[in-house]
PDB file of N, CA and C in Angstrom:
ATOM      1  N   MET A   1       0.760  -1.237  -0.031  1.00  0.00           N
ATOM      2  CA  MET A   1      -0.138  -0.042  -0.017  1.00  0.00           C
ATOM      3  C   MET A   1       0.929   1.288  -0.006  1.00  0.00           C
ATOM      4  N   ILE A   2       2.048   1.201   0.785  1.00  0.00           N
ATOM      5  CA  ILE A   2       2.953   2.223   0.866  1.00  0.00           C
ATOM      6  C   ILE A   2       3.561   2.575  -0.645  1.00  0.00           C
ATOM      7  N   MET A   3       4.047   1.547  -1.191  1.00  0.00           N
ATOM      8  CA  MET A   3       4.605   1.672  -2.522  1.00  0.00           C
ATOM      9  C   MET A   3       3.678   2.102  -3.566  1.00  0.00           C
ATOM     10  N   ALA A   4       2.356   1.805  -3.444  1.00  0.00           N
ATOM     11  CA  ALA A   4       1.156   2.344  -4.391  1.00  0.00           C
ATOM     12  C   ALA A   4       1.164   3.783  -4.057  1.00  0.00           C
ATOM     13  N   THR A   5       1.091   4.218  -2.867  1.00  0.00           N
ATOM     14  CA  THR A   5       1.090   5.604  -2.553  1.00  0.00           C
ATOM     15  C   THR A   5       2.417   6.332  -3.090  1.00  0.00           C
ATOM     16  N   PHE A   6       3.435   5.951  -3.045  1.00  0.00           N
ATOM     17  CA  PHE A   6       4.686   6.672  -3.550  1.00  0.00           C
ATOM     18  C   PHE A   6       4.451   6.730  -5.015  1.00  0.00           C
ATOM     19  N   GLY A   7       4.065   5.451  -5.709  1.00  0.00           N
ATOM     20  CA  GLY A   7       3.924   5.503  -7.121  1.00  0.00           C
ATOM     21  C   GLY A   7       2.966   6.665  -7.526  1.00  0.00           C
ATOM     22  N   ASP A   8       1.853   6.754  -6.913  1.00  0.00           N
ATOM     23  CA  ASP A   8       0.939   8.042  -7.086  1.00  0.00           C
ATOM     24  C   ASP A   8       1.552   9.300  -6.877  1.00  0.00           C
ATOM     25  N   MET A   9       2.262   9.417  -6.003  1.00  0.00           N
ATOM     26  CA  MET A   9       3.029  10.748  -5.539  1.00  0.00           C
ATOM     27  C   MET A   9       4.059  10.879  -6.865  1.00  0.00           C
ATOM     28  N   ILE A  10       4.561   9.978  -7.352  1.00  0.00           N
ATOM     29  CA  ILE A  10       5.693  10.239  -8.466  1.00  0.00           C
ATOM     30  C   ILE A  10       4.892  10.658  -9.654  1.00  0.00           C
ATOM     31  N   ILE A  11       3.824   9.918 -10.169  1.00  0.00           N
ATOM     32  CA  ILE A  11       2.950  10.365 -11.128  1.00  0.00           C
ATOM     33  C   ILE A  11       2.546  11.604 -11.033  1.00  0.00           C
ATOM     34  N   MET A  12       1.899  12.197  -9.856  1.00  0.00           N
ATOM     35  CA  MET A  12       1.306  13.351  -9.750  1.00  0.00           C
ATOM     36  C   MET A  12       2.533  14.586  -9.743  1.00  0.00           C
ATOM     37  N   THR A  13       3.586  14.406  -9.191  1.00  0.00           N
ATOM     38  CA  THR A  13       4.587  15.259  -9.059  1.00  0.00           C
ATOM     39  C   THR A  13       5.384  15.422 -10.523  1.00  0.00           C
ATOM     40  N   THR A  14       5.413  14.218 -11.353  1.00  0.00           N
ATOM     41  CA  THR A  14       5.899  14.433 -12.632  1.00  0.00           C
ATOM     42  C   THR A  14       4.894  15.240 -13.485  1.00  0.00           C
ATOM     43  N   ILE A  15       3.628  15.027 -13.463  1.00  0.00           N
ATOM     44  CA  ILE A  15       2.782  15.986 -14.070  1.00  0.00           C
ATOM     45  C   ILE A  15       2.797  17.267 -13.741  1.00  0.00           C
ATOM     46  N   LEU A  16       2.769  17.627 -12.467  1.00  0.00           N
ATOM     47  CA  LEU A  16       2.832  18.931 -11.841  1.00  0.00           C
ATOM     48  C   LEU A  16       4.069  19.862 -12.323  1.00  0.00           C
ATOM     49  N   LEU A  17       5.127  18.923 -12.527  1.00  0.00           N
ATOM     50  CA  LEU A  17       6.630  19.532 -12.846  1.00  0.00           C
ATOM     51  C   LEU A  17       6.448  19.711 -14.349  1.00  0.00           C
ATOM     52  N   LEU A  18       5.839  19.072 -15.087  1.00  0.00           N
ATOM     53  CA  LEU A  18       5.766  19.052 -16.498  1.00  0.00           C
ATOM     54  C   LEU A  18       4.818  20.170 -17.164  1.00  0.00           C
ATOM     55  N   LEU A  19       3.783  20.511 -16.322  1.00  0.00           N
ATOM     56  CA  LEU A  19       2.802  21.694 -16.881  1.00  0.00           C
ATOM     57  C   LEU A  19       3.517  22.880 -17.134  1.00  0.00           C
ATOM     58  N   PRO A  20       4.269  23.344 -16.235  1.00  0.00           N
ATOM     59  CA  PRO A  20       4.965  24.808 -16.487  1.00  0.00           C
ATOM     60  C   PRO A  20       6.067  24.688 -17.887  1.00  0.00           C
ATOM     61  N   VAL A  21       6.723  23.469 -17.828  1.00  0.00           N
ATOM     62  CA  VAL A  21       7.630  23.481 -18.856  1.00  0.00           C
ATOM     63  C   VAL A  21       7.117  23.414 -20.261  1.00  0.00           C
ATOM     64  N   PHE A  22       5.902  22.595 -20.380  1.00  0.00           N
ATOM     65  CA  PHE A  22       5.377  22.647 -21.615  1.00  0.00           C
ATOM     66  C   PHE A  22       4.351  23.542 -21.935  1.00  0.00           C
ATOM     67  N   LYS A  23       4.185  24.497 -21.025  1.00  0.00           N
ATOM     68  CA  LYS A  23       3.046  25.464 -21.116  1.00  0.00           C
ATOM     69  C   LYS A  23       2.000  24.929 -21.727  1.00  0.00           C
ATOM     70  N   VAL A  24       1.348  23.928 -20.780  1.00  0.00           N
ATOM     71  CA  VAL A  24      -0.083  23.220 -21.352  1.00  0.00           C
ATOM     72  C   VAL A  24      -1.283  24.085 -21.193  1.00  0.00           C
ATOM     73  N   LYS A  25      -1.848  24.036 -22.292  1.00  0.00           N
ATOM     74  CA  LYS A  25      -3.204  24.995 -22.338  1.00  0.00           C
ATOM     75  C   LYS A  25      -4.321  24.111 -21.661  1.00  0.00           C
ATOM     76  N   TRP A  26      -5.261  24.801 -21.496  1.00  0.00           N
ATOM     77  CA  TRP A  26      -6.494  24.090 -20.780  1.00  0.00           C
ATOM     78  C   TRP A  26      -7.113  23.001 -21.430  1.00  0.00           C
ATOM     79  N   HIS A  27      -7.141  23.062 -22.738  1.00  0.00           N
ATOM     80  CA  HIS A  27      -7.905  22.054 -23.666  1.00  0.00           C
ATOM     81  C   HIS A  27      -6.842  20.683 -23.598  1.00  0.00           C
ATOM     82  N   GLU A  28      -5.501  20.907 -23.445  1.00  0.00           N
ATOM     83  CA  GLU A  28      -4.656  19.936 -23.542  1.00  0.00           C
ATOM     84  C   GLU A  28      -4.503  19.195 -22.302  1.00  0.00           C
ATOM     85  N   MET A  29      -4.931  19.817 -20.896  1.00  0.00           N
ATOM     86  CA  MET A  29      -5.052  19.097 -19.755  1.00  0.00           C
ATOM     87  C   MET A  29      -5.731  17.965 -20.013  1.00  0.00           C
ATOM     88  N   ILE A  30      -6.890  17.819 -20.889  1.00  0.00           N
ATOM     89  CA  ILE A  30      -7.516  16.525 -20.920  1.00  0.00           C
ATOM     90  C   ILE A  30      -6.525  15.437 -21.409  1.00  0.00           C
ATOM     91  N   LYS A  31      -5.733  15.815 -22.228  1.00  0.00           N
ATOM     92  CA  LYS A  31      -4.826  14.837 -22.843  1.00  0.00           C
ATOM     93  C   LYS A  31      -4.034  14.311 -21.648  1.00  0.00           C
ATOM     94  N   LEU A  32      -3.450  15.101 -20.636  1.00  0.00           N
ATOM     95  CA  LEU A  32      -2.518  14.756 -19.525  1.00  0.00           C
ATOM     96  C   LEU A  32      -3.478  13.853 -18.842  1.00  0.00           C
ATOM     97  N   GLU A  33      -4.829  14.288 -18.443  1.00  0.00           N
ATOM     98  CA  GLU A  33      -5.662  13.427 -17.615  1.00  0.00           C
ATOM     99  C   GLU A  33      -5.754  12.202 -18.055  1.00  0.00           C
ATOM    100  N   MET A  34      -5.894  12.126 -19.552  1.00  0.00           N
ATOM    101  CA  MET A  34      -6.153  10.642 -20.036  1.00  0.00           C
ATOM    102  C   MET A  34      -4.816   9.849 -19.857  1.00  0.00           C
ATOM    103  N   LEU A  35      -3.690  10.522 -20.086  1.00  0.00           N
ATOM    104  CA  LEU A  35      -2.417   9.930 -19.636  1.00  0.00           C
ATOM    105  C   LEU A  35      -2.196   9.239 -18.494  1.00  0.00           C
ATOM    106  N   ALA A  36      -2.540  10.322 -17.447  1.00  0.00           N
ATOM    107  CA  ALA A  36      -2.706   9.828 -16.074  1.00  0.00           C
ATOM    108  C   ALA A  36      -3.502   8.481 -15.808  1.00  0.00           C
ATOM    109  N   VAL A  37      -4.766   8.527 -16.321  1.00  0.00           N
ATOM    110  CA  VAL A  37      -5.610   7.568 -16.006  1.00  0.00           C
ATOM    111  C   VAL A  37      -5.096   6.145 -16.787  1.00  0.00           C
ATOM    112  N   GLY A  38      -4.375   6.487 -17.916  1.00  0.00           N
ATOM    113  CA  GLY A  38      -3.938   5.303 -18.811  1.00  0.00           C
ATOM    114  C   GLY A  38      -2.740   4.576 -17.801  1.00  0.00           C
ATOM    115  N   ILE A  39      -1.960   5.591 -17.187  1.00  0.00           N
ATOM    116  CA  ILE A  39      -0.874   5.101 -16.466  1.00  0.00           C
ATOM    117  C   ILE A  39      -1.345   4.200 -15.317  1.00  0.00           C
ATOM    118  N   ALA A  40      -2.260   4.791 -14.698  1.00  0.00           N
ATOM    119  CA  ALA A  40      -3.232   4.149 -13.596  1.00  0.00           C
ATOM    120  C   ALA A  40      -3.723   2.895 -13.870  1.00  0.00           C
ATOM    121  N   LEU A  41      -4.292   2.718 -14.982  1.00  0.00           N
ATOM    122  CA  LEU A  41      -4.990   1.605 -15.531  1.00  0.00           C
ATOM    123  C   LEU A  41      -3.818   0.596 -15.640  1.00  0.00           C
ATOM    124  N   VAL A  42      -2.580   0.996 -16.443  1.00  0.00           N
ATOM    125  CA  VAL A  42      -1.712  -0.142 -16.623  1.00  0.00           C
ATOM    126  C   VAL A  42      -1.129  -0.701 -15.458  1.00  0.00           C
ATOM    127  N   VAL A  43      -0.703   0.326 -14.281  1.00  0.00           N
ATOM    128  CA  VAL A  43      -0.447  -0.073 -12.961  1.00  0.00           C
ATOM    129  C   VAL A  43      -1.265  -0.999 -12.300  1.00  0.00           C
ATOM    130  N   GLU A  44      -2.415  -0.641 -12.273  1.00  0.00           N
ATOM    131  CA  GLU A  44      -3.484  -1.565 -11.573  1.00  0.00           C
ATOM    132  C   GLU A  44      -3.678  -2.972 -12.235  1.00  0.00           C
ATOM    133  N   LEU A  45      -3.600  -2.941 -13.549  1.00  0.00           N
ATOM    134  CA  LEU A  45      -3.694  -4.272 -14.114  1.00  0.00           C
ATOM    135  C   LEU A  45      -2.577  -5.170 -14.002  1.00  0.00           C
ATOM    136  N   TYR A  46      -1.376  -4.481 -14.083  1.00  0.00           N
ATOM    137  CA  TYR A  46      -0.072  -5.296 -13.885  1.00  0.00           C
ATOM    138  C   TYR A  46      -0.165  -5.675 -12.300  1.00  0.00           C
ATOM    139  N   ALA A  47      -0.200  -5.005 -11.558  1.00  0.00           N
ATOM    140  CA  ALA A  47      -0.213  -5.169  -9.872  1.00  0.00           C
ATOM    141  C   ALA A  47      -1.128  -6.355  -9.685  1.00  0.00           C
ATOM    142  N   THR A  48      -2.328  -6.158 -10.197  1.00  0.00           N
ATOM    143  CA  THR A  48      -3.441  -7.301  -9.772  1.00  0.00           C
ATOM    144  C   THR A  48      -3.040  -8.612 -10.642  1.00  0.00           C
ATOM    145  N   ARG A  49      -2.620  -8.711 -11.849  1.00  0.00           N
ATOM    146  CA  ARG A  49      -2.439  -9.872 -12.509  1.00  0.00           C
ATOM    147  C   ARG A  49      -1.227 -10.490 -12.096  1.00  0.00           C
ATOM    148  N   THR A  50      -0.043  -9.671 -11.650  1.00  0.00           N
ATOM    149  CA  THR A  50       0.971 -10.309 -10.874  1.00  0.00           C
ATOM    150  C   THR A  50       0.777 -10.678  -9.460  1.00  0.00           C
ATOM    151  N   GLN A  51      -0.199 -10.369  -8.908  1.00  0.00           N
ATOM    152  CA  GLN A  51      -0.606 -10.509  -7.605  1.00  0.00           C
ATOM    153  C   GLN A  51       0.294  -9.741  -6.519  1.00  0.00           C
ATOM    154  N   ARG A  52       0.549  -8.429  -7.061  1.00  0.00           N
ATOM    155  CA  ARG A  52       1.390  -7.520  -6.226  1.00  0.00           C
ATOM    156  C   ARG A  52       0.493  -7.177  -5.197  1.00  0.00           C
ATOM    157  N   TRP A  53      -0.723  -6.748  -5.522  1.00  0.00           N
ATOM    158  CA  TRP A  53      -1.868  -6.719  -4.592  1.00  0.00           C
ATOM    159  C   TRP A  53      -3.182  -6.924  -4.986  1.00  0.00           C
ATOM    160  N   PHE A  54      -3.987  -6.862  -4.004  1.00  0.00           N
ATOM    161  CA  PHE A  54      -5.390  -7.399  -4.417  1.00  0.00           C
ATOM    162  C   PHE A  54      -6.432  -6.504  -3.737  1.00  0.00           C
ATOM    163  N   TYR A  55      -7.715  -6.505  -3.911  1.00  0.00           N
ATOM    164  CA  TYR A  55      -8.617  -5.612  -3.350  1.00  0.00           C
ATOM    165  C   TYR A  55      -9.660  -6.465  -2.335  1.00  0.00           C
ATOM    166  N   THR A  56     -10.094  -5.587  -1.526  1.00  0.00           N
ATOM    167  CA  THR A  56     -11.253  -6.352  -0.469  1.00  0.00           C
ATOM    168  C   THR A  56     -12.377  -6.548  -1.087  1.00  0.00           C
ATOM    169  N   ASN A  57     -13.205  -7.042  -0.565  1.00  0.00           N
ATOM    170  CA  ASN A  57     -14.720  -7.208  -0.953  1.00  0.00           C
ATOM    171  C   ASN A  57     -15.577  -5.792  -1.072  1.00  0.00           C
ATOM    172  N   THR A  58     -15.101  -5.004   0.013  1.00  0.00           N
ATOM    173  CA  THR A  58     -15.734  -3.539  -0.188  1.00  0.00           C
ATOM    174  C   THR A  58     -15.442  -2.610  -1.392  1.00  0.00           C
ATOM    175  N   ASN A  59     -14.302  -2.918  -1.997  1.00  0.00           N
ATOM    176  CA  ASN A  59     -13.834  -2.113  -3.104  1.00  0.00           C
ATOM    177  C   ASN A  59     -14.564  -2.409  -4.466  1.00  0.00           C
ATOM    178  N   ILE A  60     -15.083  -0.938  -4.905  1.00  0.00           N
ATOM    179  CA  ILE A  60     -15.811  -1.089  -6.202  1.00  0.00           C
ATOM    180  C   ILE A  60     -14.866  -1.386  -7.309  1.00  0.00           C
ATOM    181  N   LEU A  61     -15.258  -2.475  -8.037  1.00  0.00           N
ATOM    182  CA  LEU A  61     -14.252  -2.971  -9.158  1.00  0.00           C
ATOM    183  C   LEU A  61     -14.982  -2.657 -10.559  1.00  0.00           C
ATOM    184  N   ILE A  62     -14.199  -2.514 -11.465  1.00  0.00           N
ATOM    185  CA  ILE A  62     -14.789  -2.238 -12.704  1.00  0.00           C
ATOM    186  C   ILE A  62     -14.782  -3.623 -13.457  1.00  0.00           C
ATOM    187  N   PRO A  63     -16.110  -4.010 -13.745  1.00  0.00           N
ATOM    188  CA  PRO A  63     -16.392  -5.484 -13.994  1.00  0.00           C
ATOM    189  C   PRO A  63     -15.711  -6.204 -15.025  1.00  0.00           C
ATOM    190  N   TRP A  64     -15.325  -5.732 -16.147  1.00  0.00           N
ATOM    191  CA  TRP A  64     -14.590  -6.228 -17.207  1.00  0.00           C
ATOM    192  C   TRP A  64     -13.119  -6.071 -16.975  1.00  0.00           C
ATOM    193  N   LEU A  65     -12.604  -5.243 -16.075  1.00  0.00           N
ATOM    194  CA  LEU A  65     -11.080  -5.445 -15.981  1.00  0.00           C
ATOM    195  C   LEU A  65     -10.794  -5.901 -14.643  1.00  0.00           C
ATOM    196  N   GLN A  66     -11.901  -5.933 -13.693  1.00  0.00           N
ATOM    197  CA  GLN A  66     -11.472  -6.513 -12.172  1.00  0.00           C
ATOM    198  C   GLN A  66     -10.464  -5.713 -11.582  1.00  0.00           C
ATOM    199  N   ILE A  67     -10.325  -4.427 -11.801  1.00  0.00           N
ATOM    200  CA  ILE A  67      -9.732  -3.471 -11.144  1.00  0.00           C
ATOM    201  C   ILE A  67     -10.413  -2.613 -10.297  1.00  0.00           C
ATOM    202  N   SER A  68      -9.802  -1.684  -9.267  1.00  0.00           N
ATOM    203  CA  SER A  68     -10.483  -0.801  -8.779  1.00  0.00           C
ATOM    204  C   SER A  68     -10.854   0.390  -9.329  1.00  0.00           C
ATOM    205  N   ILE A  69     -12.047   1.042  -9.261  1.00  0.00           N
ATOM    206  CA  ILE A  69     -12.275   2.311  -9.905  1.00  0.00           C
ATOM    207  C   ILE A  69     -11.666   3.562  -9.150  1.00  0.00           C
ATOM    208  N   PHE A  70     -11.171   3.402  -7.964  1.00  0.00           N
ATOM    209  CA  PHE A  70     -10.844   4.402  -7.183  1.00  0.00           C
ATOM    210  C   PHE A  70      -9.322   5.176  -7.807  1.00  0.00           C
ATOM    211  N   PRO A  71      -8.482   4.201  -8.042  1.00  0.00           N
ATOM    212  CA  PRO A  71      -7.113   4.901  -8.587  1.00  0.00           C
ATOM    213  C   PRO A  71      -7.322   5.626  -9.916  1.00  0.00           C
ATOM    214  N   LEU A  72      -8.385   5.253 -10.626  1.00  0.00           N
ATOM    215  CA  LEU A  72      -8.685   5.944 -11.863  1.00  0.00           C
ATOM    216  C   LEU A  72      -9.439   7.432 -11.424  1.00  0.00           C
ATOM    217  N   LEU A  73     -10.393   7.243 -10.666  1.00  0.00           N
ATOM    218  CA  LEU A  73     -10.861   8.495 -10.413  1.00  0.00           C
ATOM    219  C   LEU A  73     -10.023   9.429  -9.453  1.00  0.00           C
ATOM    220  N   GLN A  74      -9.067   9.064  -9.010  1.00  0.00           N
ATOM    221  CA  GLN A  74      -7.910   9.673  -8.007  1.00  0.00           C
ATOM    222  C   GLN A  74      -7.107  10.368  -9.236  1.00  0.00           C
ATOM    223  N   MET A  75      -6.940   9.826 -10.240  1.00  0.00           N
ATOM    224  CA  MET A  75      -6.253  10.638 -11.473  1.00  0.00           C
ATOM    225  C   MET A  75      -6.958  11.643 -12.022  1.00  0.00           C
ATOM    226  N   MET A  76      -8.269  11.321 -12.231  1.00  0.00           N
ATOM    227  CA  MET A  76      -9.156  12.303 -12.715  1.00  0.00           C
ATOM    228  C   MET A  76      -9.283  13.635 -11.967  1.00  0.00           C
ATOM    229  N   ILE A  77      -9.334  13.376 -10.721  1.00  0.00           N
ATOM    230  CA  ILE A  77      -9.501  14.508  -9.686  1.00  0.00           C
ATOM    231  C   ILE A  77      -8.335  15.216  -9.483  1.00  0.00           C
ATOM    232  N   ILE A  78      -7.062  14.567  -9.393  1.00  0.00           N
ATOM    233  CA  ILE A  78      -5.975  14.951  -9.024  1.00  0.00           C
ATOM    234  C   ILE A  78      -5.213  15.994 -10.165  1.00  0.00           C
ATOM    235  N   VAL A  79      -5.381  15.333 -11.197  1.00  0.00           N
ATOM    236  CA  VAL A  79      -4.646  16.004 -12.503  1.00  0.00           C
ATOM    237  C   VAL A  79      -5.239  17.524 -12.591  1.00  0.00           C
ATOM    238  N   PRO A  80      -6.512  17.851 -12.686  1.00  0.00           N
ATOM    239  CA  PRO A  80      -6.937  19.251 -12.560  1.00  0.00           C
ATOM    240  C   PRO A  80      -6.524  20.144 -11.531  1.00  0.00           C
ATOM    241  N   ILE A  81      -6.341  19.660 -10.321  1.00  0.00           N
ATOM    242  CA  ILE A  81      -5.874  20.206  -9.048  1.00  0.00           C
ATOM    243  C   ILE A  81      -4.427  20.696  -9.416  1.00  0.00           C
ATOM    244  N   CYS A  82      -3.621  19.651  -9.884  1.00  0.00           N
ATOM    245  CA  CYS A  82      -2.169  20.022 -10.280  1.00  0.00           C
ATOM    246  C   CYS A  82      -2.243  21.063 -11.130  1.00  0.00           C
ATOM    247  N   PHE A  83      -3.189  20.971 -12.152  1.00  0.00           N
ATOM    248  CA  PHE A  83      -3.124  22.067 -13.343  1.00  0.00           C
ATOM    249  C   PHE A  83      -3.473  23.276 -12.665  1.00  0.00           C
ATOM    250  N   LYS A  84      -4.472  23.236 -11.671  1.00  0.00           N
ATOM    251  CA  LYS A  84      -4.900  24.842 -11.084  1.00  0.00           C
ATOM    252  C   LYS A  84      -3.764  25.462 -10.347  1.00  0.00           C
ATOM    253  N   PHE A  85      -2.860  24.447  -9.629  1.00  0.00           N
ATOM    254  CA  PHE A  85      -1.952  24.945  -8.845  1.00  0.00           C
ATOM    255  C   PHE A  85      -0.465  25.015  -9.486  1.00  0.00           C
ATOM    256  N   SER A  86      -0.451  24.874 -10.813  1.00  0.00           N
ATOM    257  CA  SER A  86       0.743  25.068 -11.386  1.00  0.00           C
ATOM    258  C   SER A  86       0.823  26.402 -12.116  1.00  0.00           C
ATOM    259  N   ASP A  87       1.738  26.934 -12.544  1.00  0.00           N
ATOM    260  CA  ASP A  87       2.064  28.305 -13.247  1.00  0.00           C
ATOM    261  C   ASP A  87       1.071  28.386 -14.424  1.00  0.00           C
ATOM    262  N   CYS A  88       0.673  27.336 -14.910  1.00  0.00           N
ATOM    263  CA  CYS A  88      -0.115  27.671 -16.141  1.00  0.00           C
ATOM    264  C   CYS A  88      -1.689  27.336 -15.970  1.00  0.00           C
ATOM    265  N   SER A  89      -2.138  27.980 -14.991  1.00  0.00           N
ATOM    266  CA  SER A  89      -3.460  28.039 -14.646  1.00  0.00           C
ATOM    267  C   SER A  89      -4.311  28.791 -15.785  1.00  0.00           C
ATOM    268  N   VAL A  90      -5.630  28.478 -15.834  1.00  0.00           N
ATOM    269  CA  VAL A  90      -6.598  28.834 -16.935  1.00  0.00           C
ATOM    270  C   VAL A  90      -6.431  30.536 -17.009  1.00  0.00           C
ATOM    271  N   ARG A  91      -6.279  31.235 -15.892  1.00  0.00           N
ATOM    272  CA  ARG A  91      -6.379  32.559 -16.154  1.00  0.00           C
ATOM    273  C   ARG A  91      -5.097  33.081 -16.819  1.00  0.00           C
ATOM    274  N   LYS A  92      -4.052  32.559 -16.672  1.00  0.00           N
ATOM    275  CA  LYS A  92      -2.731  32.795 -17.162  1.00  0.00           C
ATOM    276  C   LYS A  92      -2.361  32.708 -18.882  1.00  0.00           C
ATOM    277  N   ILE A  93      -3.478  31.627 -19.271  1.00  0.00           N
ATOM    278  CA  ILE A  93      -3.181  31.386 -20.574  1.00  0.00           C
ATOM    279  C   ILE A  93      -4.127  32.244 -21.467  1.00  0.00           C
TER     280      ILE A  93
END
């Protein structure tokens, strides 16, 4: 669990640091969000398929993938927050 948290922190820190470097515009933020969700999807699939971790019965799973919805939602929520707190907020573009 701790390693997963560090992995999430690395993904989000990377996105936060790259936003001002590439001067990402608002409409391009959706691409970053899709990238972050894609990374989370790959990590979750890999970790569950190799039995690095598993989910409890109370976790909400995506039926056809058998992975939790929460890491994907986390990326969908955190990427716009990173975007807002970076130097390339909507007001500056």
